[in-house]
Structures are given as structure tokens and as C-alpha cells.
Amino acid sequence: MTPVSIYPVPGLPEIGRDAPLANLILEGINALGMSLEAGDVVVITQKVISKAEGQVRRLDAVRPSARAKEIASRIAYDPRHVEVILSESVRVVREAPRVLITETRHGFVCANAGVDRSNTGGVELVVLLPERPDESAQRLREALVTASGVEIGVVISDSFGRPWREGQVNVAIGAAGVVALRDYRGDRDPDGYQLQGTELGVVDEIASAGELVMGKLDRVPVALIRGAAVSGDGRVHDLLRDPATDLFR
């Protein structure tokens, strides 16, 4: 087994629309005395991607609907925030005081449709998820490959809560150049037992590994993972469970 190394890539400035992310990432990696190598994976937080793509909204320009006001009154939220959440959702899954779980247009089930008010660049700003995260990952990967001359992977990460367990973890919402799922069904373990339902969410594991060196308050939005041997052509869309087999819908 090859050891896996995880490096924080600090130094990115506040990101605005159309920021040259590939160049900024490579500058950060070079500042570490490193360069990209074939098989590396760059993990980048969703918020950086969203800001570069202009997925930012001003709350003072939002006019909440009657439904948004009603929900906001029940859960003690800013009704303008709720309005943006609803605009990014296809359904409300669950609500409780200070909690609003929705299904996004992408198919993600998460808090607030991923609409975030922290680290946005202003108290009246919210940051939305990228429109098409897998495509965002592919575009960034292509730019990094062109600039570096080596084949690498990209994972866009975000923090999600989990059923049955306390604590948030980083998961992948977009990916390119990496394996999404590793399917062991049909293989046999050392005792000869044939595995029936073992599929590993490789891109989620990569996203969570990257968060270990990012931190929530340290302004480190990029991690470089080396030695993971996860090159492939998967997408995060591959991880979305078919409603027909989802026992929790």
C-alpha cells in the first residue's frame, strides 16, 4: 500500500467572480515548494467555486414570499434566507427550530439547500451551491491539467450532516478525474465470503480527508492529496441514490 499524504494549500485571496482559480491554486502549491504530480487530487471547497461562478446573492435584494415568511416564523430563520433556500430546493424534507432540511435541484439532501451565510464576504451575502458541480470540477481539472501538464483529479467538497450521527463531515458535491464509487460486490473476502452490498464512496472519503487540513476558520480552502490512487472518470452524480431504492424517502 502506498502512503497517502494530505497538504493544506493556504494563501488564496478572497475570491470574486471569474477568479483564475487554477492559477491561484498552482501558486499556492508552488509556495509550498511543491508542484502537481500525476495522480494528485485537488480538493477545493464549494464556496470558492461558487464565488468564482457568481453564485452569490444579496439578502437585501430578496423579497420573501408568504411561504418563506411562514416557515421562517416556525424555525426562527431570516425569511430572506428561507426564500433563497426554497428557490434552490425541489422539496422541504424536514423542518424544526433552527433546522431546515431540503432536497436541492441537484438531488442533494442537506441543510438549507447548501445556501450558506458564513464566510461569504459580507453579512448580507449568501453563497449558493454551484449550478452543475460535476461540470465545475471538470472545468477546473482541465485548467489545472493544461497549466501543469499532468493528469490530476479534482473534488469539490461541502459540509453535510448525516442521519444517525452527530457532527458534520465534508462530502463531495462535484468531481472529475477520480473514481466516484468503488464496487466490491461479487468479490470474496479472505475467508471466501462473497460481498453482497459493499460500495465505497471514494470521492466522499477524499473530501473528508481534505477537510482534516482545511479547518472551518483557518481560511484554507484547498488541499492536495497525494498517493491515494483514485484516478478515474467518476462523477458525484453517480452517488445519488435512486428514489426507488431509497428506504428513507
C-alpha atoms as a PDB file:
ATOM      1  CA  MET A   1       0.000   0.000   0.000  1.00  0.00           C
ATOM      2  CA  THR A   2       1.246   3.477  -0.879  1.00  0.00           C
ATOM      3  CA  PRO A   3       1.110   6.056   1.946  1.00  0.00           C
ATOM      4  CA  VAL A   4      -1.369   8.883   1.430  1.00  0.00           C
ATOM      5  CA  SER A   5      -0.250  12.440   2.170  1.00  0.00           C
ATOM      6  CA  ILE A   6      -2.521  15.468   2.645  1.00  0.00           C
ATOM      7  CA  TYR A   7      -1.187  19.021   2.302  1.00  0.00           C
ATOM      8  CA  PRO A   8      -3.031  22.254   3.111  1.00  0.00           C
ATOM      9  CA  VAL A   9      -2.759  24.879   0.372  1.00  0.00           C
ATOM     10  CA  PRO A  10      -3.124  28.268   2.096  1.00  0.00           C
ATOM     11  CA  GLY A  11      -2.784  31.745   0.684  1.00  0.00           C
ATOM     12  CA  LEU A  12      -5.741  32.056  -1.661  1.00  0.00           C
ATOM     13  CA  PRO A  13      -7.175  35.597  -1.571  1.00  0.00           C
ATOM     14  CA  GLU A  14     -10.856  36.446  -1.178  1.00  0.00           C
ATOM     15  CA  ILE A  15     -12.404  35.013  -4.323  1.00  0.00           C
ATOM     16  CA  GLY A  16     -14.537  37.087  -6.668  1.00  0.00           C
ATOM     17  CA  ARG A  17     -16.411  36.247  -9.828  1.00  0.00           C
ATOM     18  CA  ASP A  18     -14.241  34.820 -12.637  1.00  0.00           C
ATOM     19  CA  ALA A  19     -11.217  34.479 -10.353  1.00  0.00           C
ATOM     20  CA  PRO A  20      -8.418  32.436 -12.041  1.00  0.00           C
ATOM     21  CA  LEU A  21      -8.706  29.509  -9.645  1.00  0.00           C
ATOM     22  CA  ALA A  22      -6.284  27.193 -11.434  1.00  0.00           C
ATOM     23  CA  ASN A  23      -3.521  29.804 -11.381  1.00  0.00           C
ATOM     24  CA  LEU A  24      -4.181  30.679  -7.741  1.00  0.00           C
ATOM     25  CA  ILE A  25      -4.109  27.015  -6.715  1.00  0.00           C
ATOM     26  CA  LEU A  26      -0.873  26.364  -8.577  1.00  0.00           C
ATOM     27  CA  GLU A  27       0.703  29.448  -6.996  1.00  0.00           C
ATOM     28  CA  GLY A  28      -0.300  28.152  -3.576  1.00  0.00           C
ATOM     29  CA  ILE A  29       1.150  24.712  -4.282  1.00  0.00           C
ATOM     30  CA  ASN A  30       4.355  26.252  -5.619  1.00  0.00           C
ATOM     31  CA  ALA A  31       4.624  28.357  -2.445  1.00  0.00           C
ATOM     32  CA  LEU A  32       4.851  25.071  -0.541  1.00  0.00           C
ATOM     33  CA  GLY A  33       7.880  24.152  -2.620  1.00  0.00           C
ATOM     34  CA  MET A  34       5.817  21.562  -4.490  1.00  0.00           C
ATOM     35  CA  SER A  35       4.268  21.037  -7.892  1.00  0.00           C
ATOM     36  CA  LEU A  36       1.414  18.881  -9.090  1.00  0.00           C
ATOM     37  CA  GLU A  37       2.242  15.257  -9.862  1.00  0.00           C
ATOM     38  CA  ALA A  38       0.277  12.718 -11.884  1.00  0.00           C
ATOM     39  CA  GLY A  39      -2.434  11.114  -9.777  1.00  0.00           C
ATOM     40  CA  ASP A  40      -2.710  14.002  -7.296  1.00  0.00           C
ATOM     41  CA  VAL A  41      -6.172  15.114  -6.230  1.00  0.00           C
ATOM     42  CA  VAL A  42      -7.005  18.747  -5.553  1.00  0.00           C
ATOM     43  CA  VAL A  43      -9.841  19.150  -3.041  1.00  0.00           C
ATOM     44  CA  ILE A  44     -11.457  22.580  -3.091  1.00  0.00           C
ATOM     45  CA  THR A  45     -14.313  23.886  -1.010  1.00  0.00           C
ATOM     46  CA  GLN A  46     -17.623  24.554  -2.677  1.00  0.00           C
ATOM     47  CA  LYS A  47     -17.684  28.151  -1.502  1.00  0.00           C
ATOM     48  CA  VAL A  48     -14.601  29.059  -3.538  1.00  0.00           C
ATOM     49  CA  ILE A  49     -16.099  27.521  -6.674  1.00  0.00           C
ATOM     50  CA  SER A  50     -19.448  29.228  -6.085  1.00  0.00           C
ATOM     51  CA  LYS A  51     -17.892  32.650  -5.568  1.00  0.00           C
ATOM     52  CA  ALA A  52     -15.840  32.305  -8.744  1.00  0.00           C
ATOM     53  CA  GLU A  53     -19.006  31.341 -10.634  1.00  0.00           C
ATOM     54  CA  GLY A  54     -21.044  34.233  -9.235  1.00  0.00           C
ATOM     55  CA  GLN A  55     -23.336  32.045  -7.135  1.00  0.00           C
ATOM     56  CA  VAL A  56     -23.725  34.791  -4.533  1.00  0.00           C
ATOM     57  CA  ARG A  57     -26.933  36.615  -3.575  1.00  0.00           C
ATOM     58  CA  ARG A  58     -27.549  39.788  -1.593  1.00  0.00           C
ATOM     59  CA  LEU A  59     -30.220  39.294   1.058  1.00  0.00           C
ATOM     60  CA  ASP A  60     -31.200  42.950   0.951  1.00  0.00           C
ATOM     61  CA  ALA A  61     -32.416  42.346  -2.622  1.00  0.00           C
ATOM     62  CA  VAL A  62     -34.574  39.330  -1.659  1.00  0.00           C
ATOM     63  CA  ARG A  63     -38.333  39.719  -1.161  1.00  0.00           C
ATOM     64  CA  PRO A  64     -39.565  36.739   0.863  1.00  0.00           C
ATOM     65  CA  SER A  65     -42.772  35.038  -0.174  1.00  0.00           C
ATOM     66  CA  ALA A  66     -45.642  34.244   2.175  1.00  0.00           C
ATOM     67  CA  ARG A  67     -44.440  30.643   2.364  1.00  0.00           C
ATOM     68  CA  ALA A  68     -40.908  31.732   3.254  1.00  0.00           C
ATOM     69  CA  LYS A  69     -42.232  34.004   5.989  1.00  0.00           C
ATOM     70  CA  GLU A  70     -44.406  31.221   7.391  1.00  0.00           C
ATOM     71  CA  ILE A  71     -41.536  28.731   7.532  1.00  0.00           C
ATOM     72  CA  ALA A  72     -39.158  31.358   8.924  1.00  0.00           C
ATOM     73  CA  SER A  73     -41.558  32.125  11.766  1.00  0.00           C
ATOM     74  CA  ARG A  74     -41.674  28.441  12.730  1.00  0.00           C
ATOM     75  CA  ILE A  75     -37.936  27.773  12.630  1.00  0.00           C
ATOM     76  CA  ALA A  76     -36.618  31.195  13.748  1.00  0.00           C
ATOM     77  CA  TYR A  77     -34.779  31.973  10.497  1.00  0.00           C
ATOM     78  CA  ASP A  78     -34.368  35.116   8.453  1.00  0.00           C
ATOM     79  CA  PRO A  79     -37.258  34.909   5.953  1.00  0.00           C
ATOM     80  CA  ARG A  80     -34.986  36.235   3.199  1.00  0.00           C
ATOM     81  CA  HIS A  81     -32.610  33.329   3.801  1.00  0.00           C
ATOM     82  CA  VAL A  82     -35.545  30.914   3.677  1.00  0.00           C
ATOM     83  CA  GLU A  83     -36.696  32.400   0.381  1.00  0.00           C
ATOM     84  CA  VAL A  84     -33.308  31.737  -1.208  1.00  0.00           C
ATOM     85  CA  ILE A  85     -33.289  28.213   0.233  1.00  0.00           C
ATOM     86  CA  LEU A  86     -36.702  27.498  -1.272  1.00  0.00           C
ATOM     87  CA  SER A  87     -35.576  28.835  -4.645  1.00  0.00           C
ATOM     88  CA  GLU A  88     -32.749  26.279  -4.616  1.00  0.00           C
ATOM     89  CA  SER A  89     -34.933  23.349  -3.492  1.00  0.00           C
ATOM     90  CA  VAL A  90     -37.353  20.906  -5.063  1.00  0.00           C
ATOM     91  CA  ARG A  91     -38.885  19.916  -1.718  1.00  0.00           C
ATOM     92  CA  VAL A  92     -38.681  20.524   2.006  1.00  0.00           C
ATOM     93  CA  VAL A  93     -37.740  17.274   3.729  1.00  0.00           C
ATOM     94  CA  ARG A  94     -37.929  18.306   7.387  1.00  0.00           C
ATOM     95  CA  GLU A  95     -38.104  21.434   9.490  1.00  0.00           C
ATOM     96  CA  ALA A  96     -37.572  22.129  13.178  1.00  0.00           C
ATOM     97  CA  PRO A  97     -36.386  25.113  15.235  1.00  0.00           C
ATOM     98  CA  ARG A  98     -33.179  26.371  13.569  1.00  0.00           C
ATOM     99  CA  VAL A  99     -33.252  23.426  11.132  1.00  0.00           C
ATOM    100  CA  LEU A 100     -34.438  23.282   7.517  1.00  0.00           C
ATOM    101  CA  ILE A 101     -33.580  20.184   5.502  1.00  0.00           C
ATOM    102  CA  THR A 102     -34.346  20.261   1.790  1.00  0.00           C
ATOM    103  CA  GLU A 103     -33.603  18.410  -1.414  1.00  0.00           C
ATOM    104  CA  THR A 104     -31.719  20.610  -3.845  1.00  0.00           C
ATOM    105  CA  ARG A 105     -32.202  20.787  -7.578  1.00  0.00           C
ATOM    106  CA  HIS A 106     -29.016  18.724  -7.863  1.00  0.00           C
ATOM    107  CA  GLY A 107     -30.554  15.874  -5.826  1.00  0.00           C
ATOM    108  CA  PHE A 108     -28.601  16.547  -2.595  1.00  0.00           C
ATOM    109  CA  VAL A 109     -30.490  16.283   0.700  1.00  0.00           C
ATOM    110  CA  CYS A 110     -28.860  18.729   3.100  1.00  0.00           C
ATOM    111  CA  ALA A 111     -29.383  21.660   5.438  1.00  0.00           C
ATOM    112  CA  ASN A 112     -30.581  24.896   3.842  1.00  0.00           C
ATOM    113  CA  ALA A 113     -30.123  23.605   0.277  1.00  0.00           C
ATOM    114  CA  GLY A 114     -26.444  24.382   0.798  1.00  0.00           C
ATOM    115  CA  VAL A 115     -27.190  28.130   0.973  1.00  0.00           C
ATOM    116  CA  ASP A 116     -24.563  29.413   3.390  1.00  0.00           C
ATOM    117  CA  ARG A 117     -24.225  32.660   5.360  1.00  0.00           C
ATOM    118  CA  SER A 118     -20.762  32.017   6.859  1.00  0.00           C
ATOM    119  CA  ASN A 119     -17.514  33.152   5.233  1.00  0.00           C
ATOM    120  CA  THR A 120     -19.422  34.803   2.407  1.00  0.00           C
ATOM    121  CA  GLY A 121     -17.553  38.095   2.270  1.00  0.00           C
ATOM    122  CA  GLY A 122     -20.359  40.149   3.831  1.00  0.00           C
ATOM    123  CA  VAL A 123     -23.093  39.853   6.455  1.00  0.00           C
ATOM    124  CA  GLU A 124     -25.834  40.430   3.854  1.00  0.00           C
ATOM    125  CA  LEU A 125     -24.462  37.897   1.383  1.00  0.00           C
ATOM    126  CA  VAL A 126     -25.317  34.224   0.951  1.00  0.00           C
ATOM    127  CA  VAL A 127     -23.444  31.722  -1.203  1.00  0.00           C
ATOM    128  CA  LEU A 128     -25.340  29.085  -3.197  1.00  0.00           C
ATOM    129  CA  LEU A 129     -24.107  25.734  -4.463  1.00  0.00           C
ATOM    130  CA  PRO A 130     -22.659  25.660  -7.983  1.00  0.00           C
ATOM    131  CA  GLU A 131     -25.264  25.147 -10.689  1.00  0.00           C
ATOM    132  CA  ARG A 132     -23.600  21.969 -12.019  1.00  0.00           C
ATOM    133  CA  PRO A 133     -20.851  20.890  -9.614  1.00  0.00           C
ATOM    134  CA  ASP A 134     -19.517  17.962 -11.667  1.00  0.00           C
ATOM    135  CA  GLU A 135     -19.087  20.293 -14.644  1.00  0.00           C
ATOM    136  CA  SER A 136     -17.412  22.866 -12.393  1.00  0.00           C
ATOM    137  CA  ALA A 137     -14.951  20.200 -11.248  1.00  0.00           C
ATOM    138  CA  GLN A 138     -14.264  19.177 -14.842  1.00  0.00           C
ATOM    139  CA  ARG A 139     -13.558  22.756 -15.929  1.00  0.00           C
ATOM    140  CA  LEU A 140     -11.140  23.307 -13.052  1.00  0.00           C
ATOM    141  CA  ARG A 141      -9.456  19.967 -13.730  1.00  0.00           C
ATOM    142  CA  GLU A 142      -8.965  20.843 -17.395  1.00  0.00           C
ATOM    143  CA  ALA A 143      -7.417  24.187 -16.455  1.00  0.00           C
ATOM    144  CA  LEU A 144      -5.069  22.565 -13.927  1.00  0.00           C
ATOM    145  CA  VAL A 145      -4.048  19.807 -16.348  1.00  0.00           C
ATOM    146  CA  THR A 146      -3.381  22.349 -19.101  1.00  0.00           C
ATOM    147  CA  ALA A 147      -1.292  24.539 -16.799  1.00  0.00           C
ATOM    148  CA  SER A 148       0.640  21.742 -15.084  1.00  0.00           C
ATOM    149  CA  GLY A 149       0.960  19.176 -17.857  1.00  0.00           C
ATOM    150  CA  VAL A 150      -0.002  16.267 -15.569  1.00  0.00           C
ATOM    151  CA  GLU A 151      -3.219  14.285 -15.150  1.00  0.00           C
ATOM    152  CA  ILE A 152      -4.832  15.008 -11.788  1.00  0.00           C
ATOM    153  CA  GLY A 153      -8.258  14.788 -10.150  1.00  0.00           C
ATOM    154  CA  VAL A 154     -10.487  17.459  -8.637  1.00  0.00           C
ATOM    155  CA  VAL A 155     -13.057  17.096  -5.873  1.00  0.00           C
ATOM    156  CA  ILE A 156     -15.379  19.906  -4.782  1.00  0.00           C
ATOM    157  CA  SER A 157     -16.324  19.474  -1.125  1.00  0.00           C
ATOM    158  CA  ASP A 158     -19.014  20.775   1.206  1.00  0.00           C
ATOM    159  CA  SER A 159     -20.024  20.061   4.809  1.00  0.00           C
ATOM    160  CA  PHE A 160     -23.118  17.893   5.239  1.00  0.00           C
ATOM    161  CA  GLY A 161     -24.785  16.493   8.318  1.00  0.00           C
ATOM    162  CA  ARG A 162     -25.568  12.765   8.474  1.00  0.00           C
ATOM    163  CA  PRO A 163     -28.549  10.693   9.550  1.00  0.00           C
ATOM    164  CA  TRP A 164     -27.991   8.712  12.745  1.00  0.00           C
ATOM    165  CA  ARG A 165     -24.789  10.534  13.748  1.00  0.00           C
ATOM    166  CA  GLU A 166     -23.825  13.857  15.261  1.00  0.00           C
ATOM    167  CA  GLY A 167     -21.231  16.022  13.552  1.00  0.00           C
ATOM    168  CA  GLN A 168     -20.758  17.245  10.034  1.00  0.00           C
ATOM    169  CA  VAL A 169     -18.309  15.806   7.530  1.00  0.00           C
ATOM    170  CA  ASN A 170     -17.063  17.043   4.205  1.00  0.00           C
ATOM    171  CA  VAL A 171     -18.549  15.189   1.264  1.00  0.00           C
ATOM    172  CA  ALA A 172     -18.054  15.574  -2.459  1.00  0.00           C
ATOM    173  CA  ILE A 173     -20.598  17.572  -4.439  1.00  0.00           C
ATOM    174  CA  GLY A 174     -18.556  17.637  -7.652  1.00  0.00           C
ATOM    175  CA  ALA A 175     -15.729  15.535  -9.041  1.00  0.00           C
ATOM    176  CA  ALA A 176     -13.628  14.958 -12.135  1.00  0.00           C
ATOM    177  CA  GLY A 177     -10.696  12.671 -12.852  1.00  0.00           C
ATOM    178  CA  VAL A 178     -11.346  10.418  -9.863  1.00  0.00           C
ATOM    179  CA  VAL A 179     -13.245   7.251  -9.026  1.00  0.00           C
ATOM    180  CA  ALA A 180     -16.638   8.055  -7.535  1.00  0.00           C
ATOM    181  CA  LEU A 181     -17.676   4.618  -6.265  1.00  0.00           C
ATOM    182  CA  ARG A 182     -15.546   1.531  -5.725  1.00  0.00           C
ATOM    183  CA  ASP A 183     -17.763  -1.524  -6.130  1.00  0.00           C
ATOM    184  CA  TYR A 184     -16.728  -4.688  -4.280  1.00  0.00           C
ATOM    185  CA  ARG A 185     -19.965  -6.588  -4.844  1.00  0.00           C
ATOM    186  CA  GLY A 186     -19.227 -10.097  -6.056  1.00  0.00           C
ATOM    187  CA  ASP A 187     -15.674 -10.077  -4.723  1.00  0.00           C
ATOM    188  CA  ARG A 188     -14.703 -12.503  -1.959  1.00  0.00           C
ATOM    189  CA  ASP A 189     -13.153 -11.600   1.378  1.00  0.00           C
ATOM    190  CA  PRO A 190     -10.112 -13.522   2.780  1.00  0.00           C
ATOM    191  CA  ASP A 191     -12.496 -16.090   4.280  1.00  0.00           C
ATOM    192  CA  GLY A 192     -14.214 -16.721   0.962  1.00  0.00           C
ATOM    193  CA  TYR A 193     -17.430 -14.830   1.716  1.00  0.00           C
ATOM    194  CA  GLN A 194     -18.886 -13.156  -1.368  1.00  0.00           C
ATOM    195  CA  LEU A 195     -19.577  -9.462  -0.711  1.00  0.00           C
ATOM    196  CA  GLN A 196     -23.186  -8.506  -1.401  1.00  0.00           C
ATOM    197  CA  GLY A 197     -23.547  -4.778  -0.816  1.00  0.00           C
ATOM    198  CA  THR A 198     -20.141  -3.175  -0.390  1.00  0.00           C
ATOM    199  CA  GLU A 199     -19.697   0.013  -2.385  1.00  0.00           C
ATOM    200  CA  LEU A 200     -17.300   2.653  -1.090  1.00  0.00           C
ATOM    201  CA  GLY A 201     -17.976   6.334  -1.751  1.00  0.00           C
ATOM    202  CA  VAL A 202     -14.397   7.127  -2.728  1.00  0.00           C
ATOM    203  CA  VAL A 203     -14.981  10.792  -3.556  1.00  0.00           C
ATOM    204  CA  ASP A 204     -16.624  11.375  -0.166  1.00  0.00           C
ATOM    205  CA  GLU A 205     -13.627   9.782   1.537  1.00  0.00           C
ATOM    206  CA  ILE A 206     -11.316  12.087  -0.415  1.00  0.00           C
ATOM    207  CA  ALA A 207     -13.405  15.137   0.509  1.00  0.00           C
ATOM    208  CA  SER A 208     -13.374  14.223   4.202  1.00  0.00           C
ATOM    209  CA  ALA A 209      -9.631  13.607   4.124  1.00  0.00           C
ATOM    210  CA  GLY A 210      -9.047  17.042   2.654  1.00  0.00           C
ATOM    211  CA  GLU A 211     -11.044  18.724   5.411  1.00  0.00           C
ATOM    212  CA  LEU A 212      -8.586  17.425   8.007  1.00  0.00           C
ATOM    213  CA  VAL A 213      -6.085  20.092   6.907  1.00  0.00           C
ATOM    214  CA  MET A 214      -8.567  22.789   5.907  1.00  0.00           C
ATOM    215  CA  GLY A 215     -10.470  23.612   9.080  1.00  0.00           C
ATOM    216  CA  LYS A 216     -13.563  25.802   9.285  1.00  0.00           C
ATOM    217  CA  LEU A 217     -11.914  29.025  10.461  1.00  0.00           C
ATOM    218  CA  ASP A 218      -8.400  28.758   9.048  1.00  0.00           C
ATOM    219  CA  ARG A 219      -9.136  30.129   5.541  1.00  0.00           C
ATOM    220  CA  VAL A 220      -7.528  27.125   3.855  1.00  0.00           C
ATOM    221  CA  PRO A 221      -9.954  26.283   1.029  1.00  0.00           C
ATOM    222  CA  VAL A 222      -7.721  23.853  -0.883  1.00  0.00           C
ATOM    223  CA  ALA A 223      -5.992  20.587  -0.012  1.00  0.00           C
ATOM    224  CA  LEU A 224      -3.646  18.483  -2.095  1.00  0.00           C
ATOM    225  CA  ILE A 225      -3.918  14.709  -1.683  1.00  0.00           C
ATOM    226  CA  ARG A 226      -1.072  12.546  -2.935  1.00  0.00           C
ATOM    227  CA  GLY A 227      -0.762   8.782  -3.105  1.00  0.00           C
ATOM    228  CA  ALA A 228      -4.463   7.915  -2.933  1.00  0.00           C
ATOM    229  CA  ALA A 229      -4.545   6.016  -6.276  1.00  0.00           C
ATOM    230  CA  VAL A 230      -8.103   7.085  -7.117  1.00  0.00           C
ATOM    231  CA  SER A 231      -7.739   8.201 -10.745  1.00  0.00           C
ATOM    232  CA  GLY A 232     -10.863   7.536 -12.790  1.00  0.00           C
ATOM    233  CA  ASP A 233     -13.780   9.143 -14.569  1.00  0.00           C
ATOM    234  CA  GLY A 234     -16.493   9.186 -11.898  1.00  0.00           C
ATOM    235  CA  ARG A 235     -18.994  11.906 -11.054  1.00  0.00           C
ATOM    236  CA  VAL A 236     -20.713  12.770  -7.809  1.00  0.00           C
ATOM    237  CA  HIS A 237     -23.988  12.312  -9.654  1.00  0.00           C
ATOM    238  CA  ASP A 238     -23.139   8.585  -9.600  1.00  0.00           C
ATOM    239  CA  LEU A 239     -23.579   8.611  -5.803  1.00  0.00           C
ATOM    240  CA  LEU A 240     -27.174   9.872  -5.799  1.00  0.00           C
ATOM    241  CA  ARG A 241     -29.399   7.010  -4.720  1.00  0.00           C
ATOM    242  CA  ASP A 242     -32.317   6.045  -6.946  1.00  0.00           C
ATOM    243  CA  PRO A 243     -35.551   7.008  -5.135  1.00  0.00           C
ATOM    244  CA  ALA A 244     -36.861   3.507  -5.904  1.00  0.00           C
ATOM    245  CA  THR A 245     -34.189   2.001  -3.634  1.00  0.00           C
ATOM    246  CA  ASP A 246     -34.070   4.814  -1.056  1.00  0.00           C
ATOM    247  CA  LEU A 247     -35.675   3.419   2.115  1.00  0.00           C
ATOM    248  CA  PHE A 248     -35.750   6.827   3.805  1.00  0.00           C
ATOM    249  CA  ARG A 249     -37.840   8.815   1.326  1.00  0.00           C
END
